[in-house]
PDB file of N, CA and C in Angstrom:
ATOM      1  N   SER A   1     120.899  95.892 113.353  1.00  0.00           N
ATOM      2  CA  SER A   1     121.083  97.319 113.002  1.00  0.00           C
ATOM      3  C   SER A   1     120.636  97.368 111.521  1.00  0.00           C
ATOM      4  N   CYS A   2     120.407  98.626 111.069  1.00  0.00           N
ATOM      5  CA  CYS A   2     120.003  98.987 109.725  1.00  0.00           C
ATOM      6  C   CYS A   2     121.212  98.863 108.736  1.00  0.00           C
ATOM      7  N   SER A   3     121.002  98.260 107.570  1.00  0.00           N
ATOM      8  CA  SER A   3     122.110  98.051 106.693  1.00  0.00           C
ATOM      9  C   SER A   3     121.878  99.089 105.415  1.00  0.00           C
ATOM     10  N   VAL A   4     120.692  99.717 105.331  1.00  0.00           N
ATOM     11  CA  VAL A   4     120.377 100.527 104.102  1.00  0.00           C
ATOM     12  C   VAL A   4     121.191 101.831 104.325  1.00  0.00           C
ATOM     13  N   LYS A   5     121.856 102.221 103.225  1.00  0.00           N
ATOM     14  CA  LYS A   5     122.646 103.393 103.179  1.00  0.00           C
ATOM     15  C   LYS A   5     121.776 104.679 102.632  1.00  0.00           C
ATOM     16  N   SER A   6     120.782 104.957 103.466  1.00  0.00           N
ATOM     17  CA  SER A   6     119.937 106.160 103.086  1.00  0.00           C
ATOM     18  C   SER A   6     119.368 106.741 104.363  1.00  0.00           C
ATOM     19  N   VAL A   7     118.766 107.960 104.164  1.00  0.00           N
ATOM     20  CA  VAL A   7     118.308 108.713 105.279  1.00  0.00           C
ATOM     21  C   VAL A   7     117.019 108.121 105.704  1.00  0.00           C
ATOM     22  N   VAL A   8     116.727 107.843 106.940  1.00  0.00           N
ATOM     23  CA  VAL A   8     115.429 107.428 107.537  1.00  0.00           C
ATOM     24  C   VAL A   8     114.446 108.654 107.399  1.00  0.00           C
ATOM     25  N   THR A   9     113.236 108.440 106.638  1.00  0.00           N
ATOM     26  CA  THR A   9     112.194 109.510 106.515  1.00  0.00           C
ATOM     27  C   THR A   9     111.005 109.205 107.456  1.00  0.00           C
ATOM     28  N   CYS A  10     110.730 108.016 107.698  1.00  0.00           N
ATOM     29  CA  CYS A  10     109.644 107.702 108.662  1.00  0.00           C
ATOM     30  C   CYS A  10     109.876 106.282 109.361  1.00  0.00           C
ATOM     31  N   PHE A  11     109.033 106.157 110.350  1.00  0.00           N
ATOM     32  CA  PHE A  11     109.022 104.778 110.987  1.00  0.00           C
ATOM     33  C   PHE A  11     107.714 104.617 111.782  1.00  0.00           C
ATOM     34  N   SER A  12     107.384 103.349 111.973  1.00  0.00           N
ATOM     35  CA  SER A  12     106.117 103.065 112.676  1.00  0.00           C
ATOM     36  C   SER A  12     106.279 101.702 113.360  1.00  0.00           C
ATOM     37  N   ILE A  13     105.675 101.759 114.701  1.00  0.00           N
ATOM     38  CA  ILE A  13     105.747 100.569 115.481  1.00  0.00           C
ATOM     39  C   ILE A  13     104.430  99.816 115.429  1.00  0.00           C
ATOM     40  N   SER A  14     104.519  98.477 115.279  1.00  0.00           N
ATOM     41  CA  SER A  14     103.279  97.701 114.998  1.00  0.00           C
ATOM     42  C   SER A  14     102.334  97.723 116.323  1.00  0.00           C
ATOM     43  N   PRO A  15     101.028  97.602 116.229  1.00  0.00           N
ATOM     44  CA  PRO A  15     100.085  97.764 117.294  1.00  0.00           C
ATOM     45  C   PRO A  15     100.522  96.931 118.564  1.00  0.00           C
ATOM     46  N   ASP A  16     101.167  95.707 118.344  1.00  0.00           N
ATOM     47  CA  ASP A  16     101.413  94.968 119.489  1.00  0.00           C
ATOM     48  C   ASP A  16     102.946  95.301 119.987  1.00  0.00           C
ATOM     49  N   SER A  17     103.483  96.271 119.456  1.00  0.00           N
ATOM     50  CA  SER A  17     104.919  96.845 119.866  1.00  0.00           C
ATOM     51  C   SER A  17     106.005  95.787 119.624  1.00  0.00           C
ATOM     52  N   LEU A  18     105.772  94.829 118.812  1.00  0.00           N
ATOM     53  CA  LEU A  18     106.885  93.840 118.700  1.00  0.00           C
ATOM     54  C   LEU A  18     107.810  93.967 117.391  1.00  0.00           C
ATOM     55  N   ASN A  19     107.162  94.922 116.458  1.00  0.00           N
ATOM     56  CA  ASN A  19     108.048  95.205 115.286  1.00  0.00           C
ATOM     57  C   ASN A  19     108.021  96.751 114.976  1.00  0.00           C
ATOM     58  N   ILE A  20     109.053  97.130 114.260  1.00  0.00           N
ATOM     59  CA  ILE A  20     109.064  98.487 113.800  1.00  0.00           C
ATOM     60  C   ILE A  20     109.533  98.405 112.225  1.00  0.00           C
ATOM     61  N   ALA A  21     108.859  99.344 111.524  1.00  0.00           N
ATOM     62  CA  ALA A  21     109.049  99.308 110.053  1.00  0.00           C
ATOM     63  C   ALA A  21     109.651 100.708 109.883  1.00  0.00           C
ATOM     64  N   ILE A  22     110.665 100.801 109.138  1.00  0.00           N
ATOM     65  CA  ILE A  22     111.519 101.955 108.809  1.00  0.00           C
ATOM     66  C   ILE A  22     111.468 102.174 107.262  1.00  0.00           C
ATOM     67  N   GLY A  23     111.158 103.537 106.858  1.00  0.00           N
ATOM     68  CA  GLY A  23     111.026 103.950 105.585  1.00  0.00           C
ATOM     69  C   GLY A  23     112.209 104.899 105.288  1.00  0.00           C
ATOM     70  N   TYR A  24     112.788 104.764 104.132  1.00  0.00           N
ATOM     71  CA  TYR A  24     114.102 105.542 103.740  1.00  0.00           C
ATOM     72  C   TYR A  24     113.739 106.442 102.488  1.00  0.00           C
ATOM     73  N   GLN A  25     114.757 107.325 102.490  1.00  0.00           N
ATOM     74  CA  GLN A  25     114.602 108.381 101.349  1.00  0.00           C
ATOM     75  C   GLN A  25     114.764 107.693 100.021  1.00  0.00           C
ATOM     76  N   ASN A  26     115.486 106.552  99.934  1.00  0.00           N
ATOM     77  CA  ASN A  26     115.713 105.970  98.548  1.00  0.00           C
ATOM     78  C   ASN A  26     114.450 104.955  98.264  1.00  0.00           C
ATOM     79  N   GLY A  27     113.492 105.044  98.988  1.00  0.00           N
ATOM     80  CA  GLY A  27     112.165 104.278  98.643  1.00  0.00           C
ATOM     81  C   GLY A  27     112.207 102.906  99.358  1.00  0.00           C
ATOM     82  N   LEU A  28     113.140 102.364 100.047  1.00  0.00           N
ATOM     83  CA  LEU A  28     113.206 101.143 100.622  1.00  0.00           C
ATOM     84  C   LEU A  28     112.643 101.166 101.959  1.00  0.00           C
ATOM     85  N   ILE A  29     111.995  99.975 102.487  1.00  0.00           N
ATOM     86  CA  ILE A  29     111.432  99.779 103.714  1.00  0.00           C
ATOM     87  C   ILE A  29     112.120  98.503 104.380  1.00  0.00           C
ATOM     88  N   GLN A  30     112.398  98.597 105.697  1.00  0.00           N
ATOM     89  CA  GLN A  30     112.885  97.545 106.332  1.00  0.00           C
ATOM     90  C   GLN A  30     111.964  97.110 107.723  1.00  0.00           C
ATOM     91  N   VAL A  31     111.786  95.993 107.937  1.00  0.00           N
ATOM     92  CA  VAL A  31     111.014  95.686 109.061  1.00  0.00           C
ATOM     93  C   VAL A  31     111.792  94.854 110.137  1.00  0.00           C
ATOM     94  N   PHE A  32     111.900  95.387 111.352  1.00  0.00           N
ATOM     95  CA  PHE A  32     112.773  94.741 112.312  1.00  0.00           C
ATOM     96  C   PHE A  32     111.794  94.282 113.591  1.00  0.00           C
ATOM     97  N   GLY A  33     112.194  93.102 114.256  1.00  0.00           N
ATOM     98  CA  GLY A  33     111.507  92.759 115.461  1.00  0.00           C
ATOM     99  C   GLY A  33     112.257  93.629 116.674  1.00  0.00           C
ATOM    100  N   ILE A  34     111.453  94.153 117.535  1.00  0.00           N
ATOM    101  CA  ILE A  34     112.110  94.769 118.664  1.00  0.00           C
ATOM    102  C   ILE A  34     112.318  93.832 119.837  1.00  0.00           C
ATOM    103  N   ARG A  35     113.466  93.599 120.150  1.00  0.00           N
ATOM    104  CA  ARG A  35     114.029  92.674 121.136  1.00  0.00           C
ATOM    105  C   ARG A  35     114.803  93.381 122.184  1.00  0.00           C
ATOM    106  N   GLY A  36     114.167  94.008 123.224  1.00  0.00           N
ATOM    107  CA  GLY A  36     114.843  94.771 124.173  1.00  0.00           C
ATOM    108  C   GLY A  36     115.474  95.942 123.480  1.00  0.00           C
ATOM    109  N   ASP A  37     116.897  96.149 123.632  1.00  0.00           N
ATOM    110  CA  ASP A  37     117.505  97.147 122.995  1.00  0.00           C
ATOM    111  C   ASP A  37     118.088  96.829 121.605  1.00  0.00           C
ATOM    112  N   LYS A  38     117.745  95.679 121.005  1.00  0.00           N
ATOM    113  CA  LYS A  38     118.118  95.124 119.785  1.00  0.00           C
ATOM    114  C   LYS A  38     117.083  95.099 118.849  1.00  0.00           C
ATOM    115  N   LEU A  39     117.451  95.320 117.389  1.00  0.00           N
ATOM    116  CA  LEU A  39     116.483  95.218 116.257  1.00  0.00           C
ATOM    117  C   LEU A  39     116.927  94.028 115.526  1.00  0.00           C
ATOM    118  N   ASP A  40     116.103  92.877 115.421  1.00  0.00           N
ATOM    119  CA  ASP A  40     116.382  91.787 114.580  1.00  0.00           C
ATOM    120  C   ASP A  40     115.628  91.876 113.191  1.00  0.00           C
ATOM    121  N   PRO A  41     116.098  91.683 112.057  1.00  0.00           N
ATOM    122  CA  PRO A  41     115.337  91.726 110.902  1.00  0.00           C
ATOM    123  C   PRO A  41     114.224  90.694 110.928  1.00  0.00           C
ATOM    124  N   VAL A  42     112.961  91.131 110.565  1.00  0.00           N
ATOM    125  CA  VAL A  42     111.858  90.206 110.385  1.00  0.00           C
ATOM    126  C   VAL A  42     111.840  89.752 108.897  1.00  0.00           C
ATOM    127  N   VAL A  43     112.384  90.603 108.005  1.00  0.00           N
ATOM    128  CA  VAL A  43     112.417  90.299 106.635  1.00  0.00           C
ATOM    129  C   VAL A  43     113.988  90.472 106.270  1.00  0.00           C
ATOM    130  N   ASP A  44     114.525  89.389 105.695  1.00  0.00           N
ATOM    131  CA  ASP A  44     115.893  89.303 105.377  1.00  0.00           C
ATOM    132  C   ASP A  44     116.417  90.250 104.342  1.00  0.00           C
ATOM    133  N   TYR A  45     115.564  91.077 103.778  1.00  0.00           N
ATOM    134  CA  TYR A  45     116.059  91.915 102.735  1.00  0.00           C
ATOM    135  C   TYR A  45     115.135  93.172 102.781  1.00  0.00           C
ATOM    136  N   GLU A  46     115.511  94.136 102.071  1.00  0.00           N
ATOM    137  CA  GLU A  46     114.655  95.432 102.020  1.00  0.00           C
ATOM    138  C   GLU A  46     113.400  95.212 101.190  1.00  0.00           C
ATOM    139  N   TRP A  47     112.343  95.792 101.496  1.00  0.00           N
ATOM    140  CA  TRP A  47     111.150  95.890 100.544  1.00  0.00           C
ATOM    141  C   TRP A  47     111.423  97.051  99.671  1.00  0.00           C
ATOM    142  N   SER A  48     111.304  96.727  98.379  1.00  0.00           N
ATOM    143  CA  SER A  48     111.606  97.709  97.530  1.00  0.00           C
ATOM    144  C   SER A  48     110.507  97.750  96.322  1.00  0.00           C
ATOM    145  N   ALA A  49     109.656  98.739  96.352  1.00  0.00           N
ATOM    146  CA  ALA A  49     108.734  98.881  95.467  1.00  0.00           C
ATOM    147  C   ALA A  49     108.398 100.399  95.166  1.00  0.00           C
ATOM    148  N   HIS A  50     108.792 101.273  96.132  1.00  0.00           N
ATOM    149  CA  HIS A  50     108.733 102.660  95.823  1.00  0.00           C
ATOM    150  C   HIS A  50     109.833 103.198  95.039  1.00  0.00           C
ATOM    151  N   CYS A  51     109.698 104.216  94.299  1.00  0.00           N
ATOM    152  CA  CYS A  51     110.810 104.638  93.534  1.00  0.00           C
ATOM    153  C   CYS A  51     111.256 106.104  93.917  1.00  0.00           C
ATOM    154  N   ALA A  52     110.636 106.517  95.115  1.00  0.00           N
ATOM    155  CA  ALA A  52     110.957 107.777  95.697  1.00  0.00           C
ATOM    156  C   ALA A  52     110.884 107.666  97.187  1.00  0.00           C
ATOM    157  N   ILE A  53     111.067 108.783  98.001  1.00  0.00           N
ATOM    158  CA  ILE A  53     111.104 108.817  99.349  1.00  0.00           C
ATOM    159  C   ILE A  53     109.808 108.293  99.883  1.00  0.00           C
ATOM    160  N   VAL A  54     110.004 107.493 101.031  1.00  0.00           N
ATOM    161  CA  VAL A  54     108.747 106.893 101.638  1.00  0.00           C
ATOM    162  C   VAL A  54     108.313 107.998 102.756  1.00  0.00           C
ATOM    163  N   ASN A  55     107.064 108.370 102.605  1.00  0.00           N
ATOM    164  CA  ASN A  55     106.657 109.555 103.508  1.00  0.00           C
ATOM    165  C   ASN A  55     106.045 108.998 104.795  1.00  0.00           C
ATOM    166  N   GLN A  56     105.338 107.964 104.808  1.00  0.00           N
ATOM    167  CA  GLN A  56     104.766 107.396 105.950  1.00  0.00           C
ATOM    168  C   GLN A  56     104.504 105.854 105.801  1.00  0.00           C
ATOM    169  N   ILE A  57     104.423 105.239 107.027  1.00  0.00           N
ATOM    170  CA  ILE A  57     104.160 103.775 107.135  1.00  0.00           C
ATOM    171  C   ILE A  57     103.058 103.740 108.129  1.00  0.00           C
ATOM    172  N   TYR A  58     101.990 102.924 107.791  1.00  0.00           N
ATOM    173  CA  TYR A  58     100.799 102.783 108.613  1.00  0.00           C
ATOM    174  C   TYR A  58     100.553 101.345 108.791  1.00  0.00           C
ATOM    175  N   TRP A  59     100.524 100.700 110.057  1.00  0.00           N
ATOM    176  CA  TRP A  59     100.173  99.416 110.241  1.00  0.00           C
ATOM    177  C   TRP A  59      98.648  99.174 110.272  1.00  0.00           C
ATOM    178  N   ILE A  60      98.003  98.324 109.574  1.00  0.00           N
ATOM    179  CA  ILE A  60      96.687  98.037 109.474  1.00  0.00           C
ATOM    180  C   ILE A  60      96.350  97.049 110.746  1.00  0.00           C
ATOM    181  N   ASP A  61      97.262  96.130 110.836  1.00  0.00           N
ATOM    182  CA  ASP A  61      97.283  95.216 112.011  1.00  0.00           C
ATOM    183  C   ASP A  61      98.716  94.838 112.295  1.00  0.00           C
ATOM    184  N   ASN A  62      98.862  93.693 113.101  1.00  0.00           N
ATOM    185  CA  ASN A  62     100.181  93.282 113.350  1.00  0.00           C
ATOM    186  C   ASN A  62     100.869  92.617 112.272  1.00  0.00           C
ATOM    187  N   HIS A  63     100.257  92.289 111.264  1.00  0.00           N
ATOM    188  CA  HIS A  63     100.792  91.536 110.118  1.00  0.00           C
ATOM    189  C   HIS A  63     100.839  92.278 108.649  1.00  0.00           C
ATOM    190  N   LYS A  64      99.946  93.447 108.626  1.00  0.00           N
ATOM    191  CA  LYS A  64      99.913  94.087 107.295  1.00  0.00           C
ATOM    192  C   LYS A  64     100.164  95.568 107.632  1.00  0.00           C
ATOM    193  N   LEU A  65     100.861  96.202 106.646  1.00  0.00           N
ATOM    194  CA  LEU A  65     101.048  97.654 106.740  1.00  0.00           C
ATOM    195  C   LEU A  65     100.971  98.193 105.341  1.00  0.00           C
ATOM    196  N   LEU A  66     100.812  99.566 105.325  1.00  0.00           N
ATOM    197  CA  LEU A  66     100.700 100.413 104.188  1.00  0.00           C
ATOM    198  C   LEU A  66     101.883 101.378 104.294  1.00  0.00           C
ATOM    199  N   SER A  67     102.452 101.796 103.066  1.00  0.00           N
ATOM    200  CA  SER A  67     103.379 102.785 102.941  1.00  0.00           C
ATOM    201  C   SER A  67     103.042 103.720 101.853  1.00  0.00           C
ATOM    202  N   CYS A  68     103.292 105.024 101.940  1.00  0.00           N
ATOM    203  CA  CYS A  68     102.901 106.008 100.958  1.00  0.00           C
ATOM    204  C   CYS A  68     104.245 106.750 100.626  1.00  0.00           C
ATOM    205  N   SER A  69     104.225 107.379  99.421  1.00  0.00           N
ATOM    206  CA  SER A  69     105.505 107.908  98.975  1.00  0.00           C
ATOM    207  C   SER A  69     105.265 109.072  97.972  1.00  0.00           C
ATOM    208  N   LEU A  70     106.327 109.758  97.779  1.00  0.00           N
ATOM    209  CA  LEU A  70     106.416 110.840  96.816  1.00  0.00           C
ATOM    210  C   LEU A  70     106.119 110.411  95.362  1.00  0.00           C
ATOM    211  N   ASP A  71     106.226 109.093  95.210  1.00  0.00           N
ATOM    212  CA  ASP A  71     106.013 108.512  93.815  1.00  0.00           C
ATOM    213  C   ASP A  71     104.563 108.287  93.534  1.00  0.00           C
ATOM    214  N   LYS A  72     103.583 108.865  94.401  1.00  0.00           N
ATOM    215  CA  LYS A  72     102.235 108.765  94.199  1.00  0.00           C
ATOM    216  C   LYS A  72     101.532 107.508  94.278  1.00  0.00           C
ATOM    217  N   CYS A  73     102.253 106.442  94.987  1.00  0.00           N
ATOM    218  CA  CYS A  73     101.705 105.142  95.149  1.00  0.00           C
ATOM    219  C   CYS A  73     101.575 104.882  96.722  1.00  0.00           C
ATOM    220  N   ILE A  74     100.542 103.921  96.916  1.00  0.00           N
ATOM    221  CA  ILE A  74     100.329 103.403  98.173  1.00  0.00           C
ATOM    222  C   ILE A  74     100.702 101.860  98.012  1.00  0.00           C
ATOM    223  N   ILE A  75     101.413 101.312  98.899  1.00  0.00           N
ATOM    224  CA  ILE A  75     101.765  99.895  98.819  1.00  0.00           C
ATOM    225  C   ILE A  75     101.332  99.142 100.020  1.00  0.00           C
ATOM    226  N   GLU A  76     100.699  98.070  99.902  1.00  0.00           N
ATOM    227  CA  GLU A  76     100.224  97.191 100.928  1.00  0.00           C
ATOM    228  C   GLU A  76     101.166  96.087 101.096  1.00  0.00           C
ATOM    229  N   TRP A  77     101.789  95.891 102.388  1.00  0.00           N
ATOM    230  CA  TRP A  77     102.741  94.742 102.525  1.00  0.00           C
ATOM    231  C   TRP A  77     102.168  93.677 103.615  1.00  0.00           C
ATOM    232  N   SER A  78     102.666  92.592 103.489  1.00  0.00           N
ATOM    233  CA  SER A  78     102.270  91.498 104.359  1.00  0.00           C
ATOM    234  C   SER A  78     103.466  90.757 104.974  1.00  0.00           C
ATOM    235  N   LEU A  79     103.457  90.689 106.250  1.00  0.00           N
ATOM    236  CA  LEU A  79     104.546  90.002 107.033  1.00  0.00           C
ATOM    237  C   LEU A  79     104.321  88.495 107.035  1.00  0.00           C
ATOM    238  N   ASP A  80     103.073  88.071 106.755  1.00  0.00           N
ATOM    239  CA  ASP A  80     102.811  86.621 106.692  1.00  0.00           C
ATOM    240  C   ASP A  80     103.317  86.068 105.284  1.00  0.00           C
ATOM    241  N   ASN A  81     103.292  86.774 104.323  1.00  0.00           N
ATOM    242  CA  ASN A  81     103.751  86.400 102.875  1.00  0.00           C
ATOM    243  C   ASN A  81     104.794  87.596 102.430  1.00  0.00           C
ATOM    244  N   LYS A  82     106.013  87.379 102.835  1.00  0.00           N
ATOM    245  CA  LYS A  82     106.855  88.589 102.688  1.00  0.00           C
ATOM    246  C   LYS A  82     107.116  88.952 101.242  1.00  0.00           C
ATOM    247  N   LEU A  83     106.655  88.150 100.294  1.00  0.00           N
ATOM    248  CA  LEU A  83     106.836  88.534  98.951  1.00  0.00           C
ATOM    249  C   LEU A  83     105.609  89.016  98.349  1.00  0.00           C
ATOM    250  N   LYS A  84     104.592  89.106  99.134  1.00  0.00           N
ATOM    251  CA  LYS A  84     103.262  89.561  98.631  1.00  0.00           C
ATOM    252  C   LYS A  84     103.052  91.095  98.894  1.00  0.00           C
ATOM    253  N   TRP A  85     102.795  91.718  97.887  1.00  0.00           N
ATOM    254  CA  TRP A  85     102.449  93.110  98.160  1.00  0.00           C
ATOM    255  C   TRP A  85     101.627  93.700  97.000  1.00  0.00           C
ATOM    256  N   LYS A  86     100.879  94.745  97.214  1.00  0.00           N
ATOM    257  CA  LYS A  86      99.820  95.214  96.335  1.00  0.00           C
ATOM    258  C   LYS A  86     100.114  96.774  96.236  1.00  0.00           C
ATOM    259  N   ILE A  87     100.190  97.204  94.887  1.00  0.00           N
ATOM    260  CA  ILE A  87     100.444  98.571  94.636  1.00  0.00           C
ATOM    261  C   ILE A  87      99.124  99.248  94.187  1.00  0.00           C
ATOM    262  N   HIS A  88      98.900 100.454  94.816  1.00  0.00           N
ATOM    263  CA  HIS A  88      97.804 101.225  94.367  1.00  0.00           C
ATOM    264  C   HIS A  88      98.556 102.423  93.665  1.00  0.00           C
ATOM    265  N   ARG A  89      98.712 102.265  92.320  1.00  0.00           N
ATOM    266  CA  ARG A  89      99.402 103.310  91.564  1.00  0.00           C
ATOM    267  C   ARG A  89      98.406 104.446  91.207  1.00  0.00           C
ATOM    268  N   GLY A  90      99.055 105.650  91.117  1.00  0.00           N
ATOM    269  CA  GLY A  90      98.235 106.851  90.797  1.00  0.00           C
ATOM    270  C   GLY A  90      97.049 106.988  91.801  1.00  0.00           C
ATOM    271  N   ALA A  91      97.312 106.678  92.927  1.00  0.00           N
ATOM    272  CA  ALA A  91      96.275 106.876  94.012  1.00  0.00           C
ATOM    273  C   ALA A  91      95.917 108.348  94.119  1.00  0.00           C
ATOM    274  N   HIS A  92      96.850 109.292  93.870  1.00  0.00           N
ATOM    275  CA  HIS A  92      96.611 110.647  93.790  1.00  0.00           C
ATOM    276  C   HIS A  92      97.481 111.159  92.705  1.00  0.00           C
ATOM    277  N   PHE A  93      97.261 112.537  92.435  1.00  0.00           N
ATOM    278  CA  PHE A  93      98.007 113.207  91.236  1.00  0.00           C
ATOM    279  C   PHE A  93      99.226 113.815  91.737  1.00  0.00           C
ATOM    280  N   ALA A  94      99.609 113.715  93.062  1.00  0.00           N
ATOM    281  CA  ALA A  94     100.874 114.244  93.667  1.00  0.00           C
ATOM    282  C   ALA A  94     101.334 113.245  94.772  1.00  0.00           C
ATOM    283  N   SER A  95     102.402 113.820  95.485  1.00  0.00           N
ATOM    284  CA  SER A  95     102.953 112.999  96.625  1.00  0.00           C
ATOM    285  C   SER A  95     101.910 112.582  97.595  1.00  0.00           C
ATOM    286  N   ILE A  96     101.846 111.375  97.990  1.00  0.00           N
ATOM    287  CA  ILE A  96     101.043 110.969  99.032  1.00  0.00           C
ATOM    288  C   ILE A  96     101.690 111.181 100.384  1.00  0.00           C
ATOM    289  N   ASN A  97     101.299 111.970 101.355  1.00  0.00           N
ATOM    290  CA  ASN A  97     102.010 112.324 102.540  1.00  0.00           C
ATOM    291  C   ASN A  97     101.539 111.626 103.727  1.00  0.00           C
ATOM    292  N   SER A  98     100.394 111.152 103.745  1.00  0.00           N
ATOM    293  CA  SER A  98      99.826 110.665 105.086  1.00  0.00           C
ATOM    294  C   SER A  98      98.864 109.528 104.873  1.00  0.00           C
ATOM    295  N   LEU A  99      98.815 108.638 105.764  1.00  0.00           N
ATOM    296  CA  LEU A  99      97.799 107.568 105.763  1.00  0.00           C
ATOM    297  C   LEU A  99      97.279 107.486 107.171  1.00  0.00           C
ATOM    298  N   CYS A 100      96.012 107.161 107.422  1.00  0.00           N
ATOM    299  CA  CYS A 100      95.377 106.968 108.698  1.00  0.00           C
ATOM    300  C   CYS A 100      94.250 106.117 108.657  1.00  0.00           C
ATOM    301  N   PRO A 101      93.772 105.609 109.758  1.00  0.00           N
ATOM    302  CA  PRO A 101      92.588 104.728 109.719  1.00  0.00           C
ATOM    303  C   PRO A 101      91.355 105.516 109.415  1.00  0.00           C
ATOM    304  N   SER A 102      90.557 104.740 108.750  1.00  0.00           N
ATOM    305  CA  SER A 102      89.193 105.295 108.279  1.00  0.00           C
ATOM    306  C   SER A 102      88.188 105.131 109.488  1.00  0.00           C
ATOM    307  N   THR A 103      87.084 105.720 109.437  1.00  0.00           N
ATOM    308  CA  THR A 103      86.050 105.516 110.403  1.00  0.00           C
ATOM    309  C   THR A 103      85.437 104.064 110.229  1.00  0.00           C
ATOM    310  N   SER A 104      85.610 103.520 109.086  1.00  0.00           N
ATOM    311  CA  SER A 104      85.238 102.108 108.807  1.00  0.00           C
ATOM    312  C   SER A 104      86.301 101.224 109.306  1.00  0.00           C
ATOM    313  N   LYS A 105      85.906 100.232 110.097  1.00  0.00           N
ATOM    314  CA  LYS A 105      86.979  99.371 110.770  1.00  0.00           C
ATOM    315  C   LYS A 105      87.471  98.432 109.712  1.00  0.00           C
ATOM    316  N   SER A 106      88.809  98.276 109.839  1.00  0.00           N
ATOM    317  CA  SER A 106      89.525  97.160 108.961  1.00  0.00           C
ATOM    318  C   SER A 106      89.354  95.750 109.624  1.00  0.00           C
ATOM    319  N   THR A 107      89.182  94.809 108.883  1.00  0.00           N
ATOM    320  CA  THR A 107      89.003  93.428 109.398  1.00  0.00           C
ATOM    321  C   THR A 107      90.008  92.590 108.513  1.00  0.00           C
ATOM    322  N   ASP A 108      89.968  91.153 108.820  1.00  0.00           N
ATOM    323  CA  ASP A 108      90.875  90.286 108.000  1.00  0.00           C
ATOM    324  C   ASP A 108      90.571  90.307 106.573  1.00  0.00           C
ATOM    325  N   LYS A 109      89.324  90.603 106.179  1.00  0.00           N
ATOM    326  CA  LYS A 109      88.850  90.615 104.706  1.00  0.00           C
ATOM    327  C   LYS A 109      88.725  92.014 104.128  1.00  0.00           C
ATOM    328  N   ASN A 110      88.565  93.016 105.022  1.00  0.00           N
ATOM    329  CA  ASN A 110      88.359  94.419 104.405  1.00  0.00           C
ATOM    330  C   ASN A 110      89.396  95.354 105.041  1.00  0.00           C
ATOM    331  N   ILE A 111      89.979  96.196 104.296  1.00  0.00           N
ATOM    332  CA  ILE A 111      90.994  97.267 104.637  1.00  0.00           C
ATOM    333  C   ILE A 111      90.292  98.567 104.313  1.00  0.00           C
ATOM    334  N   SER A 112      90.292  99.395 105.330  1.00  0.00           N
ATOM    335  CA  SER A 112      89.667 100.671 105.248  1.00  0.00           C
ATOM    336  C   SER A 112      90.816 101.750 105.791  1.00  0.00           C
ATOM    337  N   PHE A 113      91.070 102.682 105.001  1.00  0.00           N
ATOM    338  CA  PHE A 113      92.039 103.842 105.425  1.00  0.00           C
ATOM    339  C   PHE A 113      91.917 104.978 104.664  1.00  0.00           C
ATOM    340  N   LEU A 114      92.384 106.088 105.006  1.00  0.00           N
ATOM    341  CA  LEU A 114      92.465 107.435 104.413  1.00  0.00           C
ATOM    342  C   LEU A 114      93.808 107.722 103.955  1.00  0.00           C
ATOM    343  N   SER A 115      93.895 108.417 102.792  1.00  0.00           N
ATOM    344  CA  SER A 115      95.242 108.953 102.328  1.00  0.00           C
ATOM    345  C   SER A 115      95.104 110.600 102.006  1.00  0.00           C
ATOM    346  N   ALA A 116      96.120 111.184 102.278  1.00  0.00           N
ATOM    347  CA  ALA A 116      96.181 112.677 102.090  1.00  0.00           C
ATOM    348  C   ALA A 116      97.394 112.963 101.158  1.00  0.00           C
ATOM    349  N   SER A 117      97.113 113.971 100.189  1.00  0.00           N
ATOM    350  CA  SER A 117      98.174 114.229  99.190  1.00  0.00           C
ATOM    351  C   SER A 117      98.417 115.686  99.013  1.00  0.00           C
ATOM    352  N   SER A 118      99.563 115.945  98.471  1.00  0.00           N
ATOM    353  CA  SER A 118      99.948 117.314  98.096  1.00  0.00           C
ATOM    354  C   SER A 118      98.848 117.762  96.951  1.00  0.00           C
ATOM    355  N   ASP A 119      98.235 117.042  96.331  1.00  0.00           N
ATOM    356  CA  ASP A 119      97.232 117.420  95.330  1.00  0.00           C
ATOM    357  C   ASP A 119      95.962 117.971  96.035  1.00  0.00           C
ATOM    358  N   GLY A 120      95.967 118.171  97.315  1.00  0.00           N
ATOM    359  CA  GLY A 120      94.887 118.837  98.090  1.00  0.00           C
ATOM    360  C   GLY A 120      93.651 117.994  98.433  1.00  0.00           C
ATOM    361  N   CYS A 121      93.825 116.736  98.214  1.00  0.00           N
ATOM    362  CA  CYS A 121      92.718 115.711  98.376  1.00  0.00           C
ATOM    363  C   CYS A 121      92.990 114.719  99.497  1.00  0.00           C
ATOM    364  N   ILE A 122      91.948 114.365 100.095  1.00  0.00           N
ATOM    365  CA  ILE A 122      91.815 113.254 101.026  1.00  0.00           C
ATOM    366  C   ILE A 122      91.009 112.178 100.457  1.00  0.00           C
ATOM    367  N   LYS A 123      91.560 110.946 100.359  1.00  0.00           N
ATOM    368  CA  LYS A 123      90.680 109.857  99.714  1.00  0.00           C
ATOM    369  C   LYS A 123      90.477 108.762 100.699  1.00  0.00           C
ATOM    370  N   GLU A 124      89.276 108.232 100.687  1.00  0.00           N
ATOM    371  CA  GLU A 124      88.893 107.059 101.504  1.00  0.00           C
ATOM    372  C   GLU A 124      88.977 105.775 100.732  1.00  0.00           C
ATOM    373  N   TRP A 125      89.639 104.773 101.170  1.00  0.00           N
ATOM    374  CA  TRP A 125      89.872 103.506 100.591  1.00  0.00           C
ATOM    375  C   TRP A 125      89.092 102.437 101.316  1.00  0.00           C
ATOM    376  N   LYS A 126      88.320 101.666 100.680  1.00  0.00           N
ATOM    377  CA  LYS A 126      87.672 100.550 101.333  1.00  0.00           C
ATOM    378  C   LYS A 126      87.775  99.382 100.262  1.00  0.00           C
ATOM    379  N   GLU A 127      88.464  98.441 100.646  1.00  0.00           N
ATOM    380  CA  GLU A 127      88.863  97.310  99.852  1.00  0.00           C
ATOM    381  C   GLU A 127      88.488  95.929 100.437  1.00  0.00           C
ATOM    382  N   THR A 128      88.150  95.013  99.566  1.00  0.00           N
ATOM    383  CA  THR A 128      87.955  93.685 100.060  1.00  0.00           C
ATOM    384  C   THR A 128      89.023  92.841  99.415  1.00  0.00           C
ATOM    385  N   GLU A 129      89.573  91.958 100.273  1.00  0.00           N
ATOM    386  CA  GLU A 129      90.608  91.050  99.683  1.00  0.00           C
ATOM    387  C   GLU A 129      90.002  89.978  98.804  1.00  0.00           C
TER     388      GLU A 129
END
């Protein structure tokens, strides 16, 4: 079960339906394995990098996910290396509210996605690791 004392603001199930990532009002994210009617922690601690409400979580694939926040940041997380994450600070000038796949396909080496913000802009991201 969840141990974070905060309001759940978003959640997303991985493409293979084996994991769920939960975002909270206090900026934390937890990832659990879905085992029947139980949730088992995949990461033994909360991911903490946002300093405000998590607005959305988007799975790039079964091992990588993105989160966006009121703090104007997009964070890329890795289940393979639980301590590795990459911050896209100042991605927009206001709260980032939504993330979705780009028409350019993401691969192991390339990540493509769109972000939408309260600043009225939609931005396309194409990155090479």
